Protein backbone atom coordinates (compact mmCIF):
# COMPACT_ATOMS: atom_id res chain seq x y z
CA MET A 1 92.50 190.23 212.68
CA THR A 2 96.22 189.37 210.90
CA GLY A 3 98.84 188.07 212.85
CA ALA A 4 99.69 188.97 216.28
CA ALA A 5 102.47 191.12 217.43
CA SER A 6 104.28 190.61 220.61
CA PRO A 7 103.30 192.31 223.52
CA SER A 8 106.08 195.16 223.56
CA SER A 9 105.38 196.16 220.43
CA ILE A 10 101.50 196.74 220.47
CA PRO A 11 100.01 200.41 221.16
CA PHE A 12 98.91 200.05 223.94
CA ALA A 13 96.25 202.60 225.49
CA ALA A 14 96.79 204.35 228.96
CA GLY A 15 95.18 202.10 231.31
CA PRO A 16 94.76 203.02 235.14
CA ASN A 17 97.74 204.23 236.83
CA LEU A 18 99.08 201.55 238.93
CA GLY A 19 101.98 204.18 240.59
CA THR A 20 99.30 204.46 243.52
CA ALA A 21 100.01 202.98 246.71
CA PHE A 22 96.66 201.32 246.64
CA ALA A 23 97.54 200.03 243.58
CA ASP A 24 100.83 198.38 244.57
CA LYS A 25 98.60 196.44 247.33
CA HIS A 26 96.91 194.20 244.81
CA ASN A 27 98.79 190.97 243.53
CA LYS A 28 99.51 190.05 240.07
CA GLY A 29 96.93 188.10 238.79
CA PHE A 30 93.34 188.47 239.64
CA PRO A 31 93.71 191.28 242.16
CA LEU A 32 95.34 192.97 239.61
CA PHE A 33 93.10 192.51 236.84
CA ALA A 34 89.67 192.88 239.25
CA TYR A 35 91.46 196.28 240.43
CA LEU A 36 92.34 197.28 236.29
CA MET A 37 88.81 196.36 235.11
CA GLY A 38 87.12 198.27 238.37
CA SER A 39 89.38 201.40 237.61
CA SER A 40 88.30 201.40 233.57
CA PRO A 41 84.66 199.82 233.98
CA ARG A 42 83.99 200.74 230.04
CA THR A 43 86.89 197.88 229.52
CA ALA A 44 84.30 195.09 232.13
CA HIS A 45 83.80 192.37 230.08
CA LEU A 46 81.92 189.38 231.66
CA ARG A 47 80.08 185.99 230.91
CA ARG A 48 76.39 186.17 230.72
CA PHE A 49 76.40 182.24 230.58
CA PRO A 50 73.23 182.28 228.44
CA SER A 51 72.63 178.21 228.30
CA VAL A 52 73.16 177.96 232.32
CA SER A 53 70.21 180.51 232.34
CA MET A 54 68.10 179.50 230.04
CA ARG A 55 68.42 175.77 231.80
CA LEU A 56 67.43 177.61 235.07
CA LEU A 57 64.75 179.28 233.45
CA LEU A 58 63.37 175.72 232.14
CA LEU A 59 63.89 174.57 235.65
CA LEU A 60 61.22 177.44 237.44
CA GLN A 61 59.17 176.51 234.66
CA TYR A 62 58.93 172.86 235.40
CA GLU A 63 58.67 173.15 239.41
CA ILE A 64 55.71 176.21 238.40
CA GLN A 65 53.52 174.17 236.25
CA ASP A 66 53.86 171.16 239.16
CA LEU A 67 52.91 173.29 241.36
CA GLU A 68 50.10 174.76 239.14
CA ASN A 69 49.02 171.17 238.45
CA ARG A 70 48.48 170.25 242.13
CA LEU A 71 46.80 173.28 243.17
CA LEU A 72 44.06 172.63 240.16
CA LYS A 73 43.66 169.32 241.59
CA LEU A 74 42.65 170.74 245.09
CA ASP A 75 40.17 173.10 243.55
CA PRO A 76 36.71 172.35 244.79
CA LYS A 77 34.41 170.42 242.11
CA GLU A 78 31.17 170.97 241.96
CA SER A 79 28.77 170.75 245.55
CA ASP A 80 25.38 169.07 245.50
CA THR A 81 23.83 172.15 247.16
CA ARG A 82 24.12 175.43 246.77
CA GLU A 83 25.51 176.33 250.34
CA ARG A 84 28.63 174.47 249.78
CA GLU A 85 29.20 175.66 246.32
CA THR A 86 29.05 179.33 247.57
CA SER A 87 31.37 178.69 250.74
CA SER A 88 34.06 176.92 248.77
CA SER A 89 37.20 178.66 247.64
CA ALA A 90 36.57 179.54 244.04
CA MET A 91 33.83 182.35 245.17
CA ASP A 92 35.21 183.26 248.52
CA PHE A 93 39.14 183.19 249.23
CA ARG A 94 38.68 183.29 252.71
CA CYS A 95 37.97 179.97 252.80
CA LEU A 96 41.35 179.15 251.70
CA LYS A 97 41.83 178.80 255.57
CA GLY A 98 40.08 175.49 255.40
CA SER A 99 42.64 174.33 253.20
CA PRO A 100 46.15 174.34 254.25
CA GLU A 101 47.79 172.77 251.27
CA GLN A 102 45.83 175.27 248.86
CA VAL A 103 47.71 178.20 251.07
CA LYS A 104 51.01 176.30 251.06
CA ILE A 105 51.18 175.60 247.26
CA LEU A 106 50.09 179.33 246.70
CA SER A 107 52.21 180.44 249.04
CA GLU A 108 55.58 178.80 247.24
CA LEU A 109 53.71 179.67 243.61
CA LYS A 110 54.28 183.38 244.83
CA LEU A 111 57.71 183.35 245.31
CA LYS A 112 59.28 180.94 242.51
CA CYS A 113 56.73 183.02 240.09
CA LYS A 114 58.28 185.90 241.20
CA GLU A 115 61.65 184.23 240.59
CA TYR A 116 61.05 182.85 237.52
CA GLU A 117 60.18 186.73 235.81
CA GLU A 118 63.47 188.58 237.17
CA ALA A 119 65.23 185.39 235.60
CA MET A 120 63.05 185.92 232.52
CA LEU A 121 63.83 189.73 232.74
CA ARG A 122 67.45 189.48 233.51
CA PHE A 123 67.65 187.20 230.31
CA ARG A 124 66.14 189.53 228.12
CA SER A 125 68.14 192.29 229.08
CA LEU A 126 71.23 190.99 229.24
CA ALA A 127 70.04 189.31 225.92
CA ALA A 128 70.18 192.43 224.70
CA SER A 129 73.80 194.00 225.73
CA GLY A 130 76.85 193.17 223.20
CA GLN A 131 80.51 193.69 223.58
CA ASP A 132 83.34 195.66 222.39
CA GLU A 133 85.97 193.60 220.64
CA TYR A 134 88.48 196.42 220.99
CA LEU A 135 88.46 196.72 224.72
CA ILE A 136 88.62 192.77 224.82
CA ARG A 137 91.57 193.36 222.85
CA GLU A 138 92.99 195.66 225.62
CA LEU A 139 91.63 193.18 228.24
CA GLN A 140 94.34 190.58 226.33
CA LEU A 141 96.92 193.25 226.94
CA TRP A 142 96.83 193.60 230.43
CA LEU A 143 96.78 189.76 230.84
CA ASN A 144 99.55 189.33 229.25
CA ARG A 145 101.90 192.45 230.11
CA PRO A 146 104.54 192.29 232.68
CA GLU A 147 103.61 195.04 234.72
CA TYR A 148 100.10 193.81 234.75
CA CYS A 149 99.17 190.03 235.25
CA ASP A 150 102.16 188.70 233.31
CA GLN A 151 100.23 186.02 232.47
CA LEU A 152 99.87 184.78 235.72
CA LEU A 153 96.22 183.51 235.55
CA SER A 154 96.38 179.66 235.09
CA GLY A 155 92.34 178.71 236.84
CA ILE A 156 89.39 177.25 234.38
CA ASP A 157 88.62 180.44 233.53
CA GLU A 158 92.00 182.15 232.77
CA SER A 159 91.06 181.88 228.45
CA ILE A 160 87.88 183.44 229.02
CA TRP A 161 89.13 186.62 227.47
CA GLY A 162 91.29 185.16 224.92
CA SER A 163 94.91 186.36 224.75
CA PRO A 164 97.31 188.26 222.00
CA GLU A 165 98.22 185.28 220.08
CA GLU A 166 95.00 184.26 219.77
CA PRO A 167 92.72 187.58 219.81
CA ASP A 168 89.78 185.92 218.84
CA ASN A 169 89.43 183.15 221.14
CA TYR A 170 87.30 185.27 223.61
CA MET A 171 84.26 183.02 225.06
CA PRO A 172 81.35 184.55 222.84
CA ASP A 173 79.05 184.99 225.32
CA LEU A 174 81.29 187.97 226.82
CA ILE A 175 78.85 191.22 227.71
CA GLN A 176 80.06 194.91 228.21
CA LEU A 177 79.14 195.98 231.63
CA PHE A 178 79.22 199.57 231.00
CA PRO A 179 79.06 200.01 226.97
CA SER A 180 78.93 202.38 224.85
CA ALA A 181 76.59 204.69 222.61
CA PRO A 182 74.75 202.37 220.27
CA GLU A 183 77.21 202.77 216.86
CA GLY A 184 76.02 203.26 213.23
CA LEU A 185 76.65 200.92 210.29
CA PHE A 186 79.44 202.97 209.02
CA ALA A 187 81.00 203.01 212.65
CA ARG A 188 80.82 199.11 213.04
CA LEU A 189 81.94 198.67 209.20
CA PHE A 190 85.07 201.01 209.78
CA LYS A 191 86.43 199.22 213.13
CA GLY A 192 85.89 196.04 211.28
CA PRO A 193 86.15 195.23 207.80
CA VAL A 194 88.26 198.68 206.43
CA ILE A 195 90.44 199.10 209.46
CA ARG A 196 91.68 195.44 208.69
CA PHE A 197 91.64 196.15 205.26
CA LEU A 198 93.49 199.14 205.89
CA HIS A 199 95.92 197.61 207.96
CA ARG A 200 96.49 194.82 205.48
CA THR A 201 97.19 197.06 202.64
CA ILE A 202 98.65 200.21 203.99
CA LEU A 203 99.42 200.39 207.44
CA TYR A 204 100.90 197.20 207.63
CA ARG A 205 103.74 199.10 205.54
CA CYS A 206 103.85 202.02 207.86
CA GLN A 207 104.15 200.30 211.08
CA GLY A 208 104.48 196.63 211.73
CA PRO A 209 102.51 194.61 212.26
CA ASP A 210 100.67 195.53 215.30
CA THR A 211 96.88 194.89 214.27
CA TYR A 212 95.19 196.79 218.01
CA TYR A 213 94.21 199.89 218.25
CA THR A 214 92.18 201.66 220.52
CA THR A 215 88.42 202.22 220.76
CA ASP A 216 89.05 206.13 221.28
CA THR A 217 91.31 206.66 218.75
CA LEU A 218 89.01 204.78 216.08
CA ASP A 219 85.66 206.87 217.64
CA ALA A 220 87.65 210.19 216.58
CA VAL A 221 88.49 208.77 213.50
CA VAL A 222 84.44 207.72 212.84
CA SER A 223 83.32 211.35 214.13
CA VAL A 224 85.53 213.02 211.71
CA ILE A 225 84.43 211.38 208.93
CA SER A 226 81.28 211.69 209.43
CA VAL A 227 81.74 215.40 210.24
CA VAL A 228 83.87 216.16 206.57
CA ILE A 229 80.76 214.20 204.91
CA THR A 230 77.46 216.46 206.88
CA SER A 231 79.81 219.73 206.09
CA SER A 232 80.75 218.67 202.66
CA ILE A 233 76.91 218.26 202.08
CA ILE A 234 75.91 221.72 203.35
CA TYR A 235 78.26 223.27 201.66
CA LEU A 236 77.03 221.39 198.27
CA ALA A 237 73.12 222.05 198.51
CA ILE A 238 74.02 225.75 199.30
CA GLY A 239 76.48 226.11 196.40
CA ILE A 240 73.72 224.57 194.10
CA LEU A 241 70.99 226.56 195.60
CA LEU A 242 72.78 230.07 194.90
CA THR A 243 73.58 229.16 191.35
CA ALA A 244 70.26 227.47 190.69
CA GLN A 245 68.37 229.24 188.22
CA SER A 246 64.87 227.65 187.96
CA ARG A 247 62.58 226.84 190.35
CA LEU A 248 63.01 223.08 189.43
CA ASN A 249 66.64 222.99 190.16
CA GLN A 250 66.31 224.10 193.42
CA LEU A 251 63.63 221.91 194.42
CA LEU A 252 65.26 218.92 192.85
CA THR A 253 68.42 219.74 194.92
CA VAL A 254 66.29 219.97 198.09
CA PHE A 255 65.09 216.69 197.05
CA LEU A 256 68.12 214.92 196.60
CA VAL A 257 70.02 216.72 199.70
CA THR A 258 67.39 215.43 201.60
CA ALA A 259 67.59 211.82 200.39
CA ALA A 260 71.00 212.07 200.84
CA THR A 261 70.93 212.81 204.52
CA THR A 262 68.35 210.92 205.39
CA PHE A 263 71.07 208.03 203.86
CA CYS A 264 73.82 209.17 205.82
CA THR A 265 71.32 209.30 209.42
CA GLY A 266 71.20 205.90 209.56
CA VAL A 267 74.53 205.01 208.59
CA PHE A 268 75.89 207.04 210.73
CA GLY A 269 73.92 207.26 213.77
CA ASN A 270 75.99 209.97 215.54
CA GLU A 271 75.11 212.96 217.59
CA LYS A 272 77.23 215.00 215.51
CA PHE A 273 75.47 214.08 212.52
CA THR A 274 71.98 214.81 214.26
CA VAL A 275 73.27 218.31 214.33
CA ALA A 276 74.67 218.77 211.43
CA ILE A 277 71.10 217.58 209.30
CA ALA A 278 69.16 220.00 211.47
CA THR A 279 71.59 222.46 210.68
CA LEU A 280 71.52 222.10 207.10
CA ALA A 281 67.68 221.71 207.27
CA ALA A 282 67.91 225.55 208.61
CA VAL A 283 70.49 226.52 205.48
CA LEU A 284 67.82 225.12 203.07
CA VAL A 285 64.86 226.49 204.60
CA THR A 286 66.64 230.37 204.87
CA LEU A 287 68.30 230.19 201.38
CA VAL A 288 65.04 228.95 199.54
CA ALA A 289 62.77 231.46 200.94
CA ASN A 290 65.80 234.20 199.99
CA ASN A 291 65.62 233.20 196.85
CA ARG A 292 61.93 233.56 196.65
CA SER A 293 61.86 237.03 198.23
CA SER A 294 64.83 238.25 195.89
CA LYS A 295 62.84 237.10 193.10
CA GLY A 296 59.58 238.55 193.76
CA GLN A 297 61.35 242.21 193.89
């Protein structure tokens, strides 16, 4: 984003209602900040501490490997007699009762392996989580506005979410606890480079140096653009099929429109676009069928 705006000039998305008696019970600072994020769960962003989690995983891996080595050393070796071999714990787990040290190690392994596997699953799950930079900017505004946190955070974690003066200076491992639906390529490009370019070239001249746009507003704009494009494809296909005189032109139209809609499906990744694609397919099939029947009469 380009230059930071003053807090009073930033178009702030309506946050939780602070006029309630319950909200007034929360002191400015972390108590009120926690209340705000709890009241608007989509804005909640916390660190996942990947390096710390990986260190703990490596420590658990070391502890399990050490227990495994100790267990292997305690396994009975080849017996001199068939009777001793068949009574070994390698053949019958009931014989473990005679080896309390093995039982102890196996009990430790059972707990450690469970902890290790759960930690791996948590790490994989959190690693797949993303962040919403525009909602992080809303958090920065909450921390800055006088009626909210009023820049009162002063602990070692005060800079986790960045600030309006340095909007990109938040911790890179922040993750959104309640992520939005996955976005298509167009939405990601529009919310990033496109909106910044438009702001620098057009919007800056119209409304001042405000670089913060709410997620809901951008989602609405992306949705409108995708609907307009899909509608245009549908009406273009209808017009061409109605005026096409040869079977070759009709087939070529169907092929080109199918290719265009397939490309747009990957670019937009929008549910409304999927519905429009289904509608388009039905229209194309209907028109081709009607055209064939009219020519056959």
